[in-house]
C-alpha atoms as a PDB file:
ATOM      1  CA  UNK A   1      25.300 180.189 251.633  1.00  0.00           C
ATOM      2  CA  UNK A   2      26.981 183.537 251.254  1.00  0.00           C
ATOM      3  CA  UNK A   3      24.363 185.117 253.436  1.00  0.00           C
ATOM      4  CA  UNK A   4      24.965 182.434 256.077  1.00  0.00           C
ATOM      5  CA  UNK A   5      28.709 183.189 256.207  1.00  0.00           C
ATOM      6  CA  UNK A   6      28.086 186.911 256.600  1.00  0.00           C
ATOM      7  CA  UNK A   7      25.625 186.198 259.392  1.00  0.00           C
ATOM      8  CA  UNK A   8      28.189 184.008 261.148  1.00  0.00           C
ATOM      9  CA  UNK A   9      30.838 186.748 260.856  1.00  0.00           C
ATOM     10  CA  UNK A  10      28.451 189.228 262.430  1.00  0.00           C
ATOM     11  CA  UNK A  11      27.764 186.791 265.253  1.00  0.00           C
ATOM     12  CA  UNK A  12      31.491 186.259 265.828  1.00  0.00           C
ATOM     13  CA  UNK A  13      32.091 190.007 265.807  1.00  0.00           C
ATOM     14  CA  UNK A  14      29.353 190.524 268.370  1.00  0.00           C
ATOM     15  CA  UNK A  15      30.807 187.718 270.490  1.00  0.00           C
ATOM     16  CA  UNK A  16      34.295 189.270 270.369  1.00  0.00           C
ATOM     17  CA  UNK A  17      32.892 192.705 271.160  1.00  0.00           C
ATOM     18  CA  UNK A  18      30.973 191.326 274.139  1.00  0.00           C
ATOM     19  CA  UNK A  19      34.079 189.463 275.332  1.00  0.00           C
ATOM     20  CA  UNK A  20      36.186 192.626 275.117  1.00  0.00           C
ATOM     21  CA  UNK A  21      33.552 194.628 276.996  1.00  0.00           C
ATOM     22  CA  UNK A  22      33.340 192.076 279.794  1.00  0.00           C
ATOM     23  CA  UNK A  23      37.148 191.858 279.969  1.00  0.00           C
ATOM     24  CA  UNK A  24      37.380 195.634 280.238  1.00  0.00           C
ATOM     25  CA  UNK A  25      34.843 195.720 283.034  1.00  0.00           C
ATOM     26  CA  UNK A  26      36.664 192.966 284.904  1.00  0.00           C
ATOM     27  CA  UNK A  27      39.970 194.776 284.601  1.00  0.00           C
ATOM     28  CA  UNK A  28      38.409 198.013 285.799  1.00  0.00           C
ATOM     29  CA  UNK A  29      36.828 196.220 288.741  1.00  0.00           C
ATOM     30  CA  UNK A  30      40.103 194.535 289.675  1.00  0.00           C
ATOM     31  CA  UNK A  31      42.187 197.671 289.592  1.00  0.00           C
ATOM     32  CA  UNK A  32      43.704 198.596 292.910  1.00  0.00           C
ATOM     33  CA  UNK A  33      42.270 201.543 294.828  1.00  0.00           C
ATOM     34  CA  UNK A  34      44.250 204.781 294.720  1.00  0.00           C
ATOM     35  CA  UNK A  35      47.171 204.895 297.112  1.00  0.00           C
ATOM     36  CA  UNK A  36      47.083 207.012 300.224  1.00  0.00           C
ATOM     37  CA  UNK A  37      48.636 210.461 299.731  1.00  0.00           C
ATOM     38  CA  UNK A  38      51.535 209.659 302.067  1.00  0.00           C
ATOM     39  CA  UNK A  39      53.814 212.411 300.767  1.00  0.00           C
ATOM     40  CA  UNK A  40      51.114 215.057 301.085  1.00  0.00           C
ATOM     41  CA  UNK A  41      50.296 213.897 304.619  1.00  0.00           C
ATOM     42  CA  UNK A  42      53.967 213.948 305.610  1.00  0.00           C
ATOM     43  CA  UNK A  43      54.424 217.420 304.113  1.00  0.00           C
ATOM     44  CA  UNK A  44      51.440 218.679 306.106  1.00  0.00           C
ATOM     45  CA  UNK A  45      52.716 217.071 309.308  1.00  0.00           C
ATOM     46  CA  UNK A  46      56.153 218.625 308.789  1.00  0.00           C
ATOM     47  CA  UNK A  47      54.707 222.072 308.078  1.00  0.00           C
ATOM     48  CA  UNK A  48      52.569 221.901 311.228  1.00  0.00           C
ATOM     49  CA  UNK A  49      55.494 220.680 313.345  1.00  0.00           C
ATOM     50  CA  UNK A  50      57.690 223.469 311.986  1.00  0.00           C
ATOM     51  CA  UNK A  51      54.999 226.019 312.792  1.00  0.00           C
ATOM     52  CA  UNK A  52      54.605 224.668 316.317  1.00  0.00           C
ATOM     53  CA  UNK A  53      58.368 224.783 316.933  1.00  0.00           C
ATOM     54  CA  UNK A  54      58.415 228.396 315.752  1.00  0.00           C
ATOM     55  CA  UNK A  55      55.706 229.248 318.293  1.00  0.00           C
ATOM     56  CA  UNK A  56      53.386 230.321 315.513  1.00  0.00           C
ATOM     57  CA  UNK A  57      50.331 229.855 317.733  1.00  0.00           C
ATOM     58  CA  UNK A  58      51.299 233.070 319.528  1.00  0.00           C
ATOM     59  CA  UNK A  59      50.768 235.041 316.294  1.00  0.00           C
ATOM     60  CA  UNK A  60      48.604 232.972 313.919  1.00  0.00           C
ATOM     61  CA  UNK A  61      46.588 230.581 316.019  1.00  0.00           C
ATOM     62  CA  UNK A  62      43.477 230.380 313.764  1.00  0.00           C
ATOM     63  CA  UNK A  63      45.483 229.348 310.706  1.00  0.00           C
ATOM     64  CA  UNK A  64      47.432 226.750 312.668  1.00  0.00           C
ATOM     65  CA  UNK A  65      44.185 225.382 314.110  1.00  0.00           C
ATOM     66  CA  UNK A  66      42.725 225.092 310.614  1.00  0.00           C
ATOM     67  CA  UNK A  67      45.836 223.240 309.468  1.00  0.00           C
ATOM     68  CA  UNK A  68      45.484 220.745 312.316  1.00  0.00           C
ATOM     69  CA  UNK A  69      41.762 220.262 311.598  1.00  0.00           C
ATOM     70  CA  UNK A  70      42.372 219.651 307.895  1.00  0.00           C
ATOM     71  CA  UNK A  71      45.149 217.170 308.637  1.00  0.00           C
ATOM     72  CA  UNK A  72      42.786 215.264 310.929  1.00  0.00           C
ATOM     73  CA  UNK A  73      40.115 215.327 308.213  1.00  0.00           C
ATOM     74  CA  UNK A  74      42.685 214.070 305.675  1.00  0.00           C
ATOM     75  CA  UNK A  75      43.533 211.124 307.915  1.00  0.00           C
ATOM     76  CA  UNK A  76      39.822 210.372 308.289  1.00  0.00           C
ATOM     77  CA  UNK A  77      39.427 210.460 304.507  1.00  0.00           C
ATOM     78  CA  UNK A  78      42.296 207.966 304.146  1.00  0.00           C
ATOM     79  CA  UNK A  79      40.558 205.650 306.601  1.00  0.00           C
ATOM     80  CA  UNK A  80      37.410 205.905 304.455  1.00  0.00           C
ATOM     81  CA  UNK A  81      39.543 205.271 301.328  1.00  0.00           C
ATOM     82  CA  UNK A  82      38.638 208.685 299.911  1.00  0.00           C
ATOM     83  CA  UNK A  83      42.158 209.315 298.627  1.00  0.00           C
ATOM     84  CA  UNK A  84      41.385 212.283 296.387  1.00  0.00           C
ATOM     85  CA  UNK A  85      39.727 214.093 299.274  1.00  0.00           C
ATOM     86  CA  UNK A  86      42.570 213.088 301.584  1.00  0.00           C
ATOM     87  CA  UNK A  87      45.185 214.471 299.194  1.00  0.00           C
ATOM     88  CA  UNK A  88      43.286 217.761 298.815  1.00  0.00           C
ATOM     89  CA  UNK A  89      42.875 218.174 302.571  1.00  0.00           C
ATOM     90  CA  UNK A  90      46.519 217.323 303.227  1.00  0.00           C
ATOM     91  CA  UNK A  91      47.631 219.961 300.710  1.00  0.00           C
ATOM     92  CA  UNK A  92      45.306 222.504 302.312  1.00  0.00           C
ATOM     93  CA  UNK A  93      46.658 221.624 305.764  1.00  0.00           C
ATOM     94  CA  UNK A  94      50.215 222.173 304.546  1.00  0.00           C
ATOM     95  CA  UNK A  95      49.259 225.484 302.954  1.00  0.00           C
ATOM     96  CA  UNK A  96      47.462 226.651 306.121  1.00  0.00           C
ATOM     97  CA  UNK A  97      50.471 225.754 308.271  1.00  0.00           C
ATOM     98  CA  UNK A  98      52.809 227.593 305.906  1.00  0.00           C
ATOM     99  CA  UNK A  99      50.467 230.593 305.936  1.00  0.00           C
ATOM    100  CA  UNK A 100      50.480 230.546 309.739  1.00  0.00           C
ATOM    101  CA  UNK A 101      54.280 230.448 309.719  1.00  0.00           C
ATOM    102  CA  UNK A 102      54.482 233.335 307.254  1.00  0.00           C
ATOM    103  CA  UNK A 103      52.004 235.437 309.250  1.00  0.00           C
ATOM    104  CA  UNK A 104      53.916 234.748 312.454  1.00  0.00           C
ATOM    105  CA  UNK A 105      57.220 235.706 310.832  1.00  0.00           C
ATOM    106  CA  UNK A 106      55.657 238.910 309.511  1.00  0.00           C
ATOM    107  CA  UNK A 107      54.265 239.741 312.967  1.00  0.00           C
ATOM    108  CA  UNK A 108      57.662 239.076 314.574  1.00  0.00           C
ATOM    109  CA  UNK A 109      59.380 241.258 311.975  1.00  0.00           C
ATOM    110  CA  UNK A 110      56.840 244.034 312.580  1.00  0.00           C
ATOM    111  CA  UNK A 111      57.448 243.819 316.326  1.00  0.00           C
ATOM    112  CA  UNK A 112      61.202 244.113 315.760  1.00  0.00           C
ATOM    113  CA  UNK A 113      60.627 247.030 313.382  1.00  0.00           C
ATOM    114  CA  UNK A 114      58.428 248.776 315.939  1.00  0.00           C
ATOM    115  CA  UNK A 115      61.067 248.267 318.652  1.00  0.00           C
ATOM    116  CA  UNK A 116      63.788 249.633 316.412  1.00  0.00           C
ATOM    117  CA  UNK A 117      61.618 252.656 315.628  1.00  0.00           C
ATOM    118  CA  UNK A 118      61.195 253.323 319.344  1.00  0.00           C
ATOM    119  CA  UNK A 119      64.949 253.017 319.854  1.00  0.00           C
ATOM    120  CA  UNK A 120      65.619 255.479 317.052  1.00  0.00           C
ATOM    121  CA  UNK A 121      63.154 257.951 318.593  1.00  0.00           C
ATOM    122  CA  UNK A 122      64.817 257.572 321.988  1.00  0.00           C
ATOM    123  CA  UNK A 123      68.247 258.157 320.463  1.00  0.00           C
ATOM    124  CA  UNK A 124      67.011 261.229 318.609  1.00  0.00           C
ATOM    125  CA  UNK A 125      65.576 262.643 321.845  1.00  0.00           C
ATOM    126  CA  UNK A 126      68.851 261.991 323.668  1.00  0.00           C
ATOM    127  CA  UNK A 127      70.796 263.618 320.859  1.00  0.00           C
ATOM    128  CA  UNK A 128      68.561 266.714 320.989  1.00  0.00           C
ATOM    129  CA  UNK A 129      68.876 266.940 324.759  1.00  0.00           C
ATOM    130  CA  UNK A 130      72.659 266.628 324.674  1.00  0.00           C
ATOM    131  CA  UNK A 131      73.060 269.129 321.866  1.00  0.00           C
ATOM    132  CA  UNK A 132      70.782 271.638 323.522  1.00  0.00           C
ATOM    133  CA  UNK A 133      68.059 271.286 320.939  1.00  0.00           C
ATOM    134  CA  UNK A 134      70.323 272.521 318.089  1.00  0.00           C
ATOM    135  CA  UNK A 135      70.591 270.264 315.074  1.00  0.00           C
END
């Protein structure tokens, strides 16, 4: 009789273990899909819009084009419910747009620096002409 009780306990344990396993699988299957990366998409859209307003395409067109392409791919990934991929692409789109903005700002600053250098040279030439070449 003792052996029968132990056998029943083992059967109950196996039943409880099976019940827990099935419950876990059901809960995993019922979990909601990951949410769309709305914040990442909005950040990318804002970065691209900011770059476009700053006329970045004049200085960093390839980077801005890549940002637009990645944002489009991120939206496609959302439609396919590939949220991890969508989030990654949205972050890359934002980074590409910010890179384009930074490159454009650097190019604008270099153009201003070059213009100032030319102005300084012109002023130095004028000063030398007016002083008769004596410094």
